[in-house]
């Protein structure tokens, strides 16, 4: 088993070289919306996928879970599996399906199991600092 800093690459079968890689992120990563810190960690995972921007995955212990409300929405990714979603509670109301998690990801991506990711387009900012 590799440690969190070692990237794990999962080639997509028969997809012309599509890859998904997960690696430990040694930087501080925060999600801020409406002046409120929604997540703050130094234990993020970075998921890199062919043709997509990098995504930061946060351990639940470093996310303000009181701000999340489970959504009935789900989606399927052929490389990662079934995603569950959460609405984000803000002072201005709910931001629907702003957060997702792979609670039972496909085998090659077990590292992201239970971690949470935020849509960058639905929050004010996601900062990565030293």
Protein backbone atom coordinates (compact mmCIF):
# COMPACT_ATOMS: atom_id res chain seq x y z
CA UNK A 1 0.00 0.00 0.00
CA UNK A 2 1.35 3.45 -0.89
CA UNK A 3 1.42 6.42 1.44
CA UNK A 4 -0.74 9.51 0.86
CA UNK A 5 2.05 11.38 -0.93
CA UNK A 6 2.49 8.69 -3.58
CA UNK A 7 0.21 9.24 -6.55
CA UNK A 8 -2.03 6.36 -7.44
CA UNK A 9 -2.86 6.22 -11.14
CA UNK A 10 -5.95 4.47 -12.35
CA UNK A 11 -6.00 4.03 -16.13
CA UNK A 12 -9.45 4.01 -17.67
CA UNK A 13 -9.93 0.74 -19.46
CA UNK A 14 -10.38 1.24 -23.19
CA UNK A 15 -10.73 5.01 -22.95
CA UNK A 16 -7.79 6.13 -25.00
CA UNK A 17 -5.45 6.89 -22.11
CA UNK A 18 -7.82 8.53 -19.61
CA UNK A 19 -6.16 8.55 -16.20
CA UNK A 20 -7.10 9.50 -12.65
CA UNK A 21 -4.36 10.09 -10.09
CA UNK A 22 -4.68 10.83 -6.37
CA UNK A 23 -1.84 12.24 -4.30
CA UNK A 24 -1.39 13.72 -0.86
CA UNK A 25 -1.31 17.50 -0.73
CA UNK A 26 1.18 18.95 1.74
CA UNK A 27 -0.23 22.48 1.51
CA UNK A 28 -2.94 24.16 3.56
CA UNK A 29 -6.19 24.13 1.58
CA UNK A 30 -9.28 26.12 2.59
CA UNK A 31 -12.79 26.64 1.27
CA UNK A 32 -14.24 30.07 2.07
CA UNK A 33 -17.73 31.27 1.22
CA UNK A 34 -19.44 34.44 2.43
CA UNK A 35 -16.48 35.11 4.70
CA UNK A 36 -16.98 31.76 6.49
CA UNK A 37 -14.39 28.99 6.42
CA UNK A 38 -16.21 25.85 5.31
CA UNK A 39 -13.13 23.61 5.25
CA UNK A 40 -9.53 24.01 6.37
CA UNK A 41 -6.97 21.22 6.14
CA UNK A 42 -3.35 20.31 5.77
CA UNK A 43 -4.35 16.74 4.86
CA UNK A 44 -6.09 17.25 1.52
CA UNK A 45 -5.83 14.86 -1.38
CA UNK A 46 -5.45 16.21 -4.91
CA UNK A 47 -7.21 14.29 -7.67
CA UNK A 48 -5.88 14.86 -11.17
CA UNK A 49 -8.00 13.55 -14.05
CA UNK A 50 -7.42 13.72 -17.78
CA UNK A 51 -9.18 16.77 -19.24
CA UNK A 52 -10.38 18.11 -15.87
CA UNK A 53 -9.05 20.71 -13.42
CA UNK A 54 -7.45 19.31 -10.26
CA UNK A 55 -9.88 18.73 -7.39
CA UNK A 56 -9.06 18.95 -3.68
CA UNK A 57 -10.63 16.32 -1.43
CA UNK A 58 -10.97 17.16 2.27
CA UNK A 59 -11.09 14.78 5.23
CA UNK A 60 -14.49 15.14 6.94
CA UNK A 61 -12.77 16.03 10.23
CA UNK A 62 -11.55 19.25 8.56
CA UNK A 63 -14.92 20.26 7.06
CA UNK A 64 -17.59 22.24 8.91
CA UNK A 65 -20.11 19.37 8.70
CA UNK A 66 -22.80 21.49 10.42
CA UNK A 67 -22.89 23.49 7.17
CA UNK A 68 -23.71 20.44 5.04
CA UNK A 69 -27.11 18.91 4.35
CA UNK A 70 -27.29 15.60 2.52
CA UNK A 71 -28.87 15.84 -0.92
CA UNK A 72 -30.81 13.06 -2.64
CA UNK A 73 -28.78 13.77 -5.82
CA UNK A 74 -26.25 11.19 -6.98
CA UNK A 75 -24.12 10.78 -10.07
CA UNK A 76 -21.94 8.10 -11.60
CA UNK A 77 -18.38 8.39 -12.88
CA UNK A 78 -17.01 5.39 -14.78
CA UNK A 79 -13.59 6.01 -13.20
CA UNK A 80 -14.50 6.88 -9.61
CA UNK A 81 -17.92 5.30 -8.96
CA UNK A 82 -21.12 6.65 -7.39
CA UNK A 83 -21.01 10.16 -5.92
CA UNK A 84 -23.25 11.40 -3.11
CA UNK A 85 -23.96 15.11 -2.77
CA UNK A 86 -24.48 17.70 -0.06
CA UNK A 87 -26.06 21.15 -0.07
CA UNK A 88 -23.98 23.89 1.56
CA UNK A 89 -25.78 25.97 4.21
CA UNK A 90 -24.80 29.64 4.05
CA UNK A 91 -26.11 32.83 5.61
CA UNK A 92 -27.84 33.49 2.27
CA UNK A 93 -29.48 30.05 2.05
CA UNK A 94 -28.60 26.68 0.56
CA UNK A 95 -26.20 26.21 -2.31
CA UNK A 96 -27.54 23.04 -3.85
CA UNK A 97 -25.22 20.11 -4.52
CA UNK A 98 -22.11 22.17 -3.82
CA UNK A 99 -20.20 19.30 -2.24
CA UNK A 100 -19.72 15.67 -3.22
CA UNK A 101 -18.20 12.50 -1.86
CA UNK A 102 -17.38 9.03 -3.08
CA UNK A 103 -18.38 6.98 -0.06
CA UNK A 104 -17.61 3.70 -1.83
CA UNK A 105 -15.27 4.61 -4.71
CA UNK A 106 -14.06 2.10 -7.24
CA UNK A 107 -11.13 0.03 -5.96
CA UNK A 108 -8.22 1.95 -7.51
CA UNK A 109 -9.37 5.19 -5.83
CA UNK A 110 -10.02 4.01 -2.26
CA UNK A 111 -7.88 6.90 -0.99
CA UNK A 112 -10.77 9.35 -1.58
CA UNK A 113 -13.33 7.20 0.29
CA UNK A 114 -15.43 9.45 2.50
CA UNK A 115 -13.49 12.60 1.62
CA UNK A 116 -15.42 15.70 0.51
CA UNK A 117 -14.87 17.92 -2.52
CA UNK A 118 -16.35 21.36 -3.23
CA UNK A 119 -17.34 22.75 -6.62
CA UNK A 120 -15.01 25.73 -7.08
CA UNK A 121 -17.73 27.45 -9.13
CA UNK A 122 -20.23 27.31 -6.24
CA UNK A 123 -18.08 28.79 -3.45
CA UNK A 124 -16.27 32.11 -3.26
CA UNK A 125 -12.80 30.59 -3.14
CA UNK A 126 -10.69 27.54 -2.61
CA UNK A 127 -7.22 28.60 -1.50
CA UNK A 128 -4.05 26.54 -1.46
CA UNK A 129 -1.22 28.13 0.52
CA UNK A 130 2.07 27.02 2.00
